[in-house]
Amino acid sequence: MAEHDTSLPSVTTESFDGVQSSSGAHNILILGSDTRGEDAGRADTIMVLQLDGPAHKPKLISFMRDSFVAIPGVGQNKINAAYAYGGADLVRQTIKENFGLDCQYYAKVDFKSFEKVVDALFMNGIKIDAEKDLNLDGVDIKKGVQKMDGHTLLQYARFRKDEEGDFGRVRRQQQVMNTIFSQLKNPLNLIRAPYAAGKAIGYTSTDVSSFFIIKNLLSIARGVGGVDRLSVPVEGSWNFGNSSYAGSILVIDNDANRAAISDFLSK
């Protein structure tokens, strides 16, 4: 059990005043964090996964971590700073204030926990088509279809040391999420779903129940296609900028991105 895994710190559930979307959809705020280095305490990955929405298929929205936004009670800063100032609930408030999107639940996974979750869900690895050759932290990944364990998949999702930077990383993170959902449809993986869901929750700070996860895994498995994906800010709605206290930032058009999110979730 995860709670007896001494290789990981103990996991606690944060205070989270989630609000269900007016559409009846279940929006889950997904946060990925690195507990090491200069960005410790900040959210390295910020996504919202929508289930049971108007489009009747899973929707995934990724928020670029350098987006310069209004953080309630703090002021203008990068969106990934919201977690350091007020945890998952302040990230929820920030997304609502800037983009009009309500989140009902949250799940936060650090890097080591991500590896454990993937290995619990996919004992024999996960099949993915690596878009390019890359190397991170001593892990060599070659372009093409291959099976990855949790550690290798994490390095693939984290990589950003090329000309695309965070934009390429966000695209790969979305590819990883889509691949996970797609391969959950495998009957052998579905058989393991109840056990794996319990393990995953043990490695994750979340207010999502095992029942909710299992119910939606089965719903996703019955569906067709993958997960629809959107990156925010959308093309044409941002410019590079610089802040005296936040460094390099993305200056974004909130109205354009609100409209893009609304349109994306409705189709």
C-alpha atoms as a PDB file:
ATOM      1  CA  MET A   1       0.000   0.000   0.000  1.00  0.00           C
ATOM      2  CA  ALA A   2       1.119   3.546  -0.731  1.00  0.00           C
ATOM      3  CA  GLU A   3       0.755   4.620   2.860  1.00  0.00           C
ATOM      4  CA  HIS A   4       3.441   2.072   3.770  1.00  0.00           C
ATOM      5  CA  ASP A   5       5.767   3.088   0.941  1.00  0.00           C
ATOM      6  CA  THR A   6       8.700   4.631   2.792  1.00  0.00           C
ATOM      7  CA  SER A   7      10.246   5.878  -0.471  1.00  0.00           C
ATOM      8  CA  LEU A   8       7.618   8.641  -0.599  1.00  0.00           C
ATOM      9  CA  PRO A   9       6.560  11.356   1.847  1.00  0.00           C
ATOM     10  CA  SER A  10       3.162  10.949   3.515  1.00  0.00           C
ATOM     11  CA  VAL A  11       0.244  12.260   1.460  1.00  0.00           C
ATOM     12  CA  THR A  12      -2.365  14.594   2.959  1.00  0.00           C
ATOM     13  CA  THR A  13      -5.566  16.015   1.497  1.00  0.00           C
ATOM     14  CA  GLU A  14      -5.645  19.797   1.166  1.00  0.00           C
ATOM     15  CA  SER A  15      -8.562  22.081   1.935  1.00  0.00           C
ATOM     16  CA  PHE A  16     -10.334  22.566  -1.401  1.00  0.00           C
ATOM     17  CA  ASP A  17     -13.621  24.453  -1.786  1.00  0.00           C
ATOM     18  CA  GLY A  18     -14.507  22.964  -5.145  1.00  0.00           C
ATOM     19  CA  VAL A  19     -17.513  24.120  -7.142  1.00  0.00           C
ATOM     20  CA  GLN A  20     -19.317  22.025  -9.743  1.00  0.00           C
ATOM     21  CA  SER A  21     -19.614  23.581 -13.190  1.00  0.00           C
ATOM     22  CA  SER A  22     -22.982  25.124 -14.045  1.00  0.00           C
ATOM     23  CA  SER A  23     -23.103  22.699 -16.983  1.00  0.00           C
ATOM     24  CA  GLY A  24     -23.124  19.753 -14.573  1.00  0.00           C
ATOM     25  CA  ALA A  25     -19.663  18.651 -15.706  1.00  0.00           C
ATOM     26  CA  HIS A  26     -17.063  17.336 -13.276  1.00  0.00           C
ATOM     27  CA  ASN A  27     -13.897  19.423 -13.636  1.00  0.00           C
ATOM     28  CA  ILE A  28     -10.797  18.056 -11.916  1.00  0.00           C
ATOM     29  CA  LEU A  29      -7.814  20.336 -11.309  1.00  0.00           C
ATOM     30  CA  ILE A  30      -4.645  18.301 -11.879  1.00  0.00           C
ATOM     31  CA  LEU A  31      -1.395  19.651 -10.437  1.00  0.00           C
ATOM     32  CA  GLY A  32       2.068  18.231 -10.969  1.00  0.00           C
ATOM     33  CA  SER A  33       4.884  19.475  -8.776  1.00  0.00           C
ATOM     34  CA  ASP A  34       8.623  19.114  -8.438  1.00  0.00           C
ATOM     35  CA  THR A  35       9.684  19.133  -4.795  1.00  0.00           C
ATOM     36  CA  ARG A  36      13.292  19.829  -5.761  1.00  0.00           C
ATOM     37  CA  GLY A  37      15.290  22.872  -6.881  1.00  0.00           C
ATOM     38  CA  GLU A  38      14.374  26.523  -7.328  1.00  0.00           C
ATOM     39  CA  ASP A  39      10.776  25.814  -8.371  1.00  0.00           C
ATOM     40  CA  ALA A  40      10.023  23.710  -5.279  1.00  0.00           C
ATOM     41  CA  GLY A  41       6.539  24.531  -4.032  1.00  0.00           C
ATOM     42  CA  ARG A  42       5.307  25.760  -7.408  1.00  0.00           C
ATOM     43  CA  ALA A  43       2.996  23.809  -9.681  1.00  0.00           C
ATOM     44  CA  ASP A  44       5.075  22.512 -12.574  1.00  0.00           C
ATOM     45  CA  THR A  45       1.984  21.221 -14.393  1.00  0.00           C
ATOM     46  CA  ILE A  46      -1.529  22.720 -14.314  1.00  0.00           C
ATOM     47  CA  MET A  47      -4.368  20.952 -16.118  1.00  0.00           C
ATOM     48  CA  VAL A  48      -8.146  20.709 -15.891  1.00  0.00           C
ATOM     49  CA  LEU A  49      -9.762  17.416 -16.881  1.00  0.00           C
ATOM     50  CA  GLN A  50     -13.482  17.624 -17.664  1.00  0.00           C
ATOM     51  CA  LEU A  51     -15.677  14.527 -17.391  1.00  0.00           C
ATOM     52  CA  ASP A  52     -19.443  14.290 -17.992  1.00  0.00           C
ATOM     53  CA  GLY A  53     -19.459  17.609 -19.818  1.00  0.00           C
ATOM     54  CA  PRO A  54     -21.737  18.926 -22.592  1.00  0.00           C
ATOM     55  CA  ALA A  55     -19.573  17.267 -25.257  1.00  0.00           C
ATOM     56  CA  HIS A  56     -19.956  13.822 -23.602  1.00  0.00           C
ATOM     57  CA  LYS A  57     -16.264  13.033 -23.941  1.00  0.00           C
ATOM     58  CA  PRO A  58     -13.164  13.734 -21.822  1.00  0.00           C
ATOM     59  CA  LYS A  59     -11.659  17.197 -22.297  1.00  0.00           C
ATOM     60  CA  LEU A  60      -8.197  18.241 -21.125  1.00  0.00           C
ATOM     61  CA  ILE A  61      -7.019  21.848 -20.786  1.00  0.00           C
ATOM     62  CA  SER A  62      -3.362  22.645 -20.037  1.00  0.00           C
ATOM     63  CA  PHE A  63      -2.335  26.037 -18.674  1.00  0.00           C
ATOM     64  CA  MET A  64       1.150  27.286 -19.519  1.00  0.00           C
ATOM     65  CA  ARG A  65       2.928  27.817 -16.214  1.00  0.00           C
ATOM     66  CA  ASP A  66       4.430  31.206 -17.211  1.00  0.00           C
ATOM     67  CA  SER A  67       1.019  32.754 -18.001  1.00  0.00           C
ATOM     68  CA  PHE A  68       0.883  36.126 -16.210  1.00  0.00           C
ATOM     69  CA  VAL A  69      -2.451  36.267 -14.391  1.00  0.00           C
ATOM     70  CA  ALA A  70      -4.242  37.879 -11.459  1.00  0.00           C
ATOM     71  CA  ILE A  71      -3.880  35.682  -8.368  1.00  0.00           C
ATOM     72  CA  PRO A  72      -6.642  36.528  -5.843  1.00  0.00           C
ATOM     73  CA  GLY A  73      -5.226  38.221  -2.751  1.00  0.00           C
ATOM     74  CA  VAL A  74      -1.719  38.256  -4.239  1.00  0.00           C
ATOM     75  CA  GLY A  75      -1.694  40.277  -7.450  1.00  0.00           C
ATOM     76  CA  GLN A  76      -0.204  39.661 -10.880  1.00  0.00           C
ATOM     77  CA  ASN A  77       2.192  36.730 -11.130  1.00  0.00           C
ATOM     78  CA  LYS A  78       2.829  33.535 -13.040  1.00  0.00           C
ATOM     79  CA  ILE A  79      -0.061  31.115 -12.695  1.00  0.00           C
ATOM     80  CA  ASN A  80       2.217  28.423 -11.263  1.00  0.00           C
ATOM     81  CA  ALA A  81       3.031  30.713  -8.308  1.00  0.00           C
ATOM     82  CA  ALA A  82      -0.561  30.403  -7.083  1.00  0.00           C
ATOM     83  CA  TYR A  83       0.142  26.993  -5.584  1.00  0.00           C
ATOM     84  CA  ALA A  84       3.080  28.317  -3.540  1.00  0.00           C
ATOM     85  CA  TYR A  85       0.922  31.143  -2.170  1.00  0.00           C
ATOM     86  CA  GLY A  86      -2.212  29.196  -1.331  1.00  0.00           C
ATOM     87  CA  GLY A  87      -2.164  25.583  -2.429  1.00  0.00           C
ATOM     88  CA  ALA A  88      -4.598  23.861  -4.739  1.00  0.00           C
ATOM     89  CA  ASP A  89      -7.542  26.022  -3.701  1.00  0.00           C
ATOM     90  CA  LEU A  90      -5.799  29.249  -4.702  1.00  0.00           C
ATOM     91  CA  VAL A  91      -5.000  27.706  -8.098  1.00  0.00           C
ATOM     92  CA  ARG A  92      -8.729  26.909  -8.369  1.00  0.00           C
ATOM     93  CA  GLN A  93      -9.642  30.508  -7.530  1.00  0.00           C
ATOM     94  CA  THR A  94      -7.060  31.831 -10.001  1.00  0.00           C
ATOM     95  CA  ILE A  95      -8.418  29.730 -12.867  1.00  0.00           C
ATOM     96  CA  LYS A  96     -11.970  30.825 -12.039  1.00  0.00           C
ATOM     97  CA  GLU A  97     -11.083  34.529 -11.868  1.00  0.00           C
ATOM     98  CA  ASN A  98      -9.036  34.611 -15.059  1.00  0.00           C
ATOM     99  CA  PHE A  99     -10.760  32.023 -17.240  1.00  0.00           C
ATOM    100  CA  GLY A 100     -14.247  31.552 -15.781  1.00  0.00           C
ATOM    101  CA  LEU A 101     -13.748  27.824 -15.224  1.00  0.00           C
ATOM    102  CA  ASP A 102     -14.980  26.104 -12.047  1.00  0.00           C
ATOM    103  CA  CYS A 103     -13.155  23.072 -10.632  1.00  0.00           C
ATOM    104  CA  GLN A 104     -14.981  20.634  -8.356  1.00  0.00           C
ATOM    105  CA  TYR A 105     -12.106  18.331  -7.399  1.00  0.00           C
ATOM    106  CA  TYR A 106      -8.319  18.369  -7.360  1.00  0.00           C
ATOM    107  CA  ALA A 107      -5.477  15.873  -7.617  1.00  0.00           C
ATOM    108  CA  LYS A 108      -1.821  16.721  -6.964  1.00  0.00           C
ATOM    109  CA  VAL A 109       0.981  14.363  -7.881  1.00  0.00           C
ATOM    110  CA  ASP A 110       4.694  14.979  -7.395  1.00  0.00           C
ATOM    111  CA  PHE A 111       7.264  13.455  -9.735  1.00  0.00           C
ATOM    112  CA  LYS A 112       8.018  10.352  -7.690  1.00  0.00           C
ATOM    113  CA  SER A 113       4.333   9.697  -7.082  1.00  0.00           C
ATOM    114  CA  PHE A 114       3.640   9.981 -10.821  1.00  0.00           C
ATOM    115  CA  GLU A 115       6.063   7.129 -11.454  1.00  0.00           C
ATOM    116  CA  LYS A 116       4.318   4.998  -8.835  1.00  0.00           C
ATOM    117  CA  VAL A 117       0.842   5.752 -10.220  1.00  0.00           C
ATOM    118  CA  VAL A 118       1.864   4.803 -13.775  1.00  0.00           C
ATOM    119  CA  ASP A 119       3.521   1.590 -12.613  1.00  0.00           C
ATOM    120  CA  ALA A 120       0.421   0.694 -10.567  1.00  0.00           C
ATOM    121  CA  LEU A 121      -1.880   1.218 -13.551  1.00  0.00           C
ATOM    122  CA  PHE A 122       0.363  -0.405 -16.166  1.00  0.00           C
ATOM    123  CA  MET A 123       2.461  -3.228 -14.735  1.00  0.00           C
ATOM    124  CA  ASN A 124       4.021  -4.012 -18.125  1.00  0.00           C
ATOM    125  CA  GLY A 125       4.656  -0.406 -19.126  1.00  0.00           C
ATOM    126  CA  ILE A 126       2.694   1.992 -21.288  1.00  0.00           C
ATOM    127  CA  LYS A 127       2.971   2.070 -25.072  1.00  0.00           C
ATOM    128  CA  ILE A 128       3.647   5.529 -26.494  1.00  0.00           C
ATOM    129  CA  ASP A 129       4.988   7.032 -29.718  1.00  0.00           C
ATOM    130  CA  ALA A 130       7.897   9.288 -28.684  1.00  0.00           C
ATOM    131  CA  GLU A 131       7.880  12.300 -30.994  1.00  0.00           C
ATOM    132  CA  LYS A 132      11.659  12.840 -30.935  1.00  0.00           C
ATOM    133  CA  ASP A 133      14.974  11.701 -29.470  1.00  0.00           C
ATOM    134  CA  LEU A 134      15.588  13.261 -26.070  1.00  0.00           C
ATOM    135  CA  ASN A 135      17.616  12.835 -22.908  1.00  0.00           C
ATOM    136  CA  LEU A 136      16.789  14.023 -19.412  1.00  0.00           C
ATOM    137  CA  ASP A 137      18.475  13.118 -16.128  1.00  0.00           C
ATOM    138  CA  GLY A 138      20.406  10.308 -17.785  1.00  0.00           C
ATOM    139  CA  VAL A 139      17.358   8.716 -19.430  1.00  0.00           C
ATOM    140  CA  ASP A 140      17.788   8.272 -23.202  1.00  0.00           C
ATOM    141  CA  ILE A 141      14.578   8.086 -25.223  1.00  0.00           C
ATOM    142  CA  LYS A 142      14.587   7.383 -28.948  1.00  0.00           C
ATOM    143  CA  LYS A 143      11.940   8.579 -31.384  1.00  0.00           C
ATOM    144  CA  GLY A 144       9.224   6.033 -32.170  1.00  0.00           C
ATOM    145  CA  VAL A 145       6.774   3.602 -30.599  1.00  0.00           C
ATOM    146  CA  GLN A 146       7.992   1.937 -27.401  1.00  0.00           C
ATOM    147  CA  LYS A 147       6.941   0.848 -23.927  1.00  0.00           C
ATOM    148  CA  MET A 148       7.874   3.077 -20.998  1.00  0.00           C
ATOM    149  CA  ASP A 149       7.763   2.500 -17.266  1.00  0.00           C
ATOM    150  CA  GLY A 150       6.751   5.303 -14.918  1.00  0.00           C
ATOM    151  CA  HIS A 151      10.244   6.780 -14.587  1.00  0.00           C
ATOM    152  CA  THR A 152      10.901   6.904 -18.337  1.00  0.00           C
ATOM    153  CA  LEU A 153       7.435   8.310 -19.059  1.00  0.00           C
ATOM    154  CA  LEU A 154       8.034  11.045 -16.489  1.00  0.00           C
ATOM    155  CA  GLN A 155      11.252  12.147 -18.214  1.00  0.00           C
ATOM    156  CA  TYR A 156       9.435  12.203 -21.556  1.00  0.00           C
ATOM    157  CA  ALA A 157       6.699  14.406 -20.082  1.00  0.00           C
ATOM    158  CA  ARG A 158       9.147  16.737 -18.282  1.00  0.00           C
ATOM    159  CA  PHE A 159      11.592  17.423 -21.120  1.00  0.00           C
ATOM    160  CA  ARG A 160      11.755  21.085 -22.232  1.00  0.00           C
ATOM    161  CA  LYS A 161      15.404  21.688 -23.104  1.00  0.00           C
ATOM    162  CA  ASP A 162      14.881  22.443 -26.782  1.00  0.00           C
ATOM    163  CA  GLU A 163      13.688  25.317 -28.974  1.00  0.00           C
ATOM    164  CA  GLU A 164      10.034  24.684 -28.041  1.00  0.00           C
ATOM    165  CA  GLY A 165      10.582  24.891 -24.289  1.00  0.00           C
ATOM    166  CA  ASP A 166       7.378  24.722 -22.256  1.00  0.00           C
ATOM    167  CA  PHE A 167       5.190  24.624 -25.362  1.00  0.00           C
ATOM    168  CA  GLY A 168       6.684  21.300 -26.438  1.00  0.00           C
ATOM    169  CA  ARG A 169       6.553  19.981 -22.902  1.00  0.00           C
ATOM    170  CA  VAL A 170       2.854  20.788 -22.532  1.00  0.00           C
ATOM    171  CA  ARG A 171       2.131  19.030 -25.825  1.00  0.00           C
ATOM    172  CA  ARG A 172       3.959  15.907 -24.622  1.00  0.00           C
ATOM    173  CA  GLN A 173       2.180  16.029 -21.265  1.00  0.00           C
ATOM    174  CA  GLN A 174      -1.140  16.052 -23.087  1.00  0.00           C
ATOM    175  CA  GLN A 175       0.032  13.175 -25.277  1.00  0.00           C
ATOM    176  CA  VAL A 176       0.903  11.215 -22.134  1.00  0.00           C
ATOM    177  CA  MET A 177      -2.528  11.852 -20.596  1.00  0.00           C
ATOM    178  CA  ASN A 178      -4.286  10.863 -23.822  1.00  0.00           C
ATOM    179  CA  THR A 179      -2.199   7.684 -24.033  1.00  0.00           C
ATOM    180  CA  ILE A 180      -3.035   6.751 -20.445  1.00  0.00           C
ATOM    181  CA  PHE A 181      -6.763   7.156 -21.080  1.00  0.00           C
ATOM    182  CA  SER A 182      -6.588   5.250 -24.360  1.00  0.00           C
ATOM    183  CA  GLN A 183      -4.745   2.293 -22.854  1.00  0.00           C
ATOM    184  CA  LEU A 184      -7.088   2.050 -19.882  1.00  0.00           C
ATOM    185  CA  LYS A 185      -9.519   0.532 -22.408  1.00  0.00           C
ATOM    186  CA  ASN A 186      -7.405  -2.609 -22.528  1.00  0.00           C
ATOM    187  CA  PRO A 187      -9.450  -5.347 -20.770  1.00  0.00           C
ATOM    188  CA  LEU A 188      -6.445  -6.430 -18.692  1.00  0.00           C
ATOM    189  CA  ASN A 189      -5.966  -2.874 -17.457  1.00  0.00           C
ATOM    190  CA  LEU A 190      -9.685  -2.556 -16.655  1.00  0.00           C
ATOM    191  CA  ILE A 191      -9.541  -5.723 -14.548  1.00  0.00           C
ATOM    192  CA  ARG A 192      -6.799  -4.059 -12.495  1.00  0.00           C
ATOM    193  CA  ALA A 193      -8.679  -0.740 -12.319  1.00  0.00           C
ATOM    194  CA  PRO A 194     -10.150  -1.055  -8.783  1.00  0.00           C
ATOM    195  CA  TYR A 195      -6.795  -2.115  -7.296  1.00  0.00           C
ATOM    196  CA  ALA A 196      -4.860   0.484  -9.297  1.00  0.00           C
ATOM    197  CA  ALA A 197      -7.309   3.252  -8.375  1.00  0.00           C
ATOM    198  CA  GLY A 198      -6.751   2.555  -4.687  1.00  0.00           C
ATOM    199  CA  LYS A 199      -2.990   2.563  -5.172  1.00  0.00           C
ATOM    200  CA  ALA A 200      -3.126   5.784  -7.214  1.00  0.00           C
ATOM    201  CA  ILE A 201      -5.125   7.602  -4.534  1.00  0.00           C
ATOM    202  CA  GLY A 202      -2.597   6.450  -1.943  1.00  0.00           C
ATOM    203  CA  TYR A 203       0.164   8.193  -3.896  1.00  0.00           C
ATOM    204  CA  THR A 204      -1.880  11.329  -4.658  1.00  0.00           C
ATOM    205  CA  SER A 205      -3.102  14.294  -2.643  1.00  0.00           C
ATOM    206  CA  THR A 206      -6.714  14.414  -3.804  1.00  0.00           C
ATOM    207  CA  ASP A 207     -10.354  14.753  -2.764  1.00  0.00           C
ATOM    208  CA  VAL A 208     -11.516  12.423  -5.553  1.00  0.00           C
ATOM    209  CA  SER A 209     -12.959   9.139  -4.282  1.00  0.00           C
ATOM    210  CA  SER A 210     -11.997   5.669  -5.488  1.00  0.00           C
ATOM    211  CA  PHE A 211     -15.617   5.121  -6.545  1.00  0.00           C
ATOM    212  CA  PHE A 212     -15.586   8.246  -8.733  1.00  0.00           C
ATOM    213  CA  ILE A 213     -12.318   7.185 -10.391  1.00  0.00           C
ATOM    214  CA  ILE A 214     -13.467   3.627 -11.103  1.00  0.00           C
ATOM    215  CA  LYS A 215     -16.871   4.770 -12.419  1.00  0.00           C
ATOM    216  CA  ASN A 216     -15.261   7.207 -14.821  1.00  0.00           C
ATOM    217  CA  LEU A 217     -12.535   4.789 -15.912  1.00  0.00           C
ATOM    218  CA  LEU A 218     -15.278   2.400 -16.998  1.00  0.00           C
ATOM    219  CA  SER A 219     -17.153   5.220 -18.726  1.00  0.00           C
ATOM    220  CA  ILE A 220     -14.010   6.273 -20.603  1.00  0.00           C
ATOM    221  CA  ALA A 221     -13.329   2.673 -21.582  1.00  0.00           C
ATOM    222  CA  ARG A 222     -16.761   2.401 -23.178  1.00  0.00           C
ATOM    223  CA  GLY A 223     -16.216   5.560 -25.198  1.00  0.00           C
ATOM    224  CA  VAL A 224     -14.554   6.009 -28.562  1.00  0.00           C
ATOM    225  CA  GLY A 225     -11.597   8.177 -29.492  1.00  0.00           C
ATOM    226  CA  GLY A 226      -9.129   9.800 -27.154  1.00  0.00           C
ATOM    227  CA  VAL A 227      -9.153  12.925 -25.047  1.00  0.00           C
ATOM    228  CA  ASP A 228      -9.785  16.305 -26.691  1.00  0.00           C
ATOM    229  CA  ARG A 229      -6.957  18.702 -25.793  1.00  0.00           C
ATOM    230  CA  LEU A 230      -6.461  22.466 -25.554  1.00  0.00           C
ATOM    231  CA  SER A 231      -3.449  24.532 -24.455  1.00  0.00           C
ATOM    232  CA  VAL A 232      -3.945  27.936 -22.813  1.00  0.00           C
ATOM    233  CA  PRO A 233      -3.051  30.541 -23.885  1.00  0.00           C
ATOM    234  CA  VAL A 234      -4.352  29.686 -27.336  1.00  0.00           C
ATOM    235  CA  GLU A 235      -2.531  30.705 -30.495  1.00  0.00           C
ATOM    236  CA  GLY A 236      -2.701  34.426 -31.236  1.00  0.00           C
ATOM    237  CA  SER A 237      -3.701  35.366 -27.672  1.00  0.00           C
ATOM    238  CA  TRP A 238      -0.319  35.937 -26.055  1.00  0.00           C
ATOM    239  CA  ASN A 239       3.098  37.599 -26.322  1.00  0.00           C
ATOM    240  CA  PHE A 240       6.395  37.058 -24.564  1.00  0.00           C
ATOM    241  CA  GLY A 241       7.075  39.600 -21.841  1.00  0.00           C
ATOM    242  CA  ASN A 242       9.260  40.275 -18.827  1.00  0.00           C
ATOM    243  CA  SER A 243       8.433  41.140 -15.237  1.00  0.00           C
ATOM    244  CA  SER A 244      10.825  42.796 -12.797  1.00  0.00           C
ATOM    245  CA  TYR A 245       9.903  40.246 -10.109  1.00  0.00           C
ATOM    246  CA  ALA A 246       8.588  37.224 -12.056  1.00  0.00           C
ATOM    247  CA  GLY A 247      11.115  37.104 -14.901  1.00  0.00           C
ATOM    248  CA  SER A 248      10.079  35.833 -18.343  1.00  0.00           C
ATOM    249  CA  ILE A 249       6.298  35.682 -18.689  1.00  0.00           C
ATOM    250  CA  LEU A 250       3.508  35.123 -21.184  1.00  0.00           C
ATOM    251  CA  VAL A 251       1.289  38.201 -21.448  1.00  0.00           C
ATOM    252  CA  ILE A 252      -2.123  36.816 -22.312  1.00  0.00           C
ATOM    253  CA  ASP A 253      -5.521  38.033 -23.509  1.00  0.00           C
ATOM    254  CA  ASN A 254      -7.908  36.679 -20.871  1.00  0.00           C
ATOM    255  CA  ASP A 255     -11.073  37.405 -22.853  1.00  0.00           C
ATOM    256  CA  ALA A 256      -9.803  35.531 -25.914  1.00  0.00           C
ATOM    257  CA  ASN A 257      -8.830  32.546 -23.789  1.00  0.00           C
ATOM    258  CA  ARG A 258     -12.120  32.518 -21.878  1.00  0.00           C
ATOM    259  CA  ALA A 259     -13.936  32.374 -25.204  1.00  0.00           C
ATOM    260  CA  ALA A 260     -11.641  29.633 -26.523  1.00  0.00           C
ATOM    261  CA  ILE A 261     -12.173  27.510 -23.392  1.00  0.00           C
ATOM    262  CA  SER A 262     -15.950  27.927 -23.546  1.00  0.00           C
ATOM    263  CA  ASP A 263     -16.017  26.957 -27.223  1.00  0.00           C
ATOM    264  CA  PHE A 264     -13.715  23.978 -26.655  1.00  0.00           C
ATOM    265  CA  LEU A 265     -15.814  22.541 -23.829  1.00  0.00           C
ATOM    266  CA  SER A 266     -19.087  22.927 -25.710  1.00  0.00           C
ATOM    267  CA  LYS A 267     -18.157  20.779 -28.732  1.00  0.00           C
END
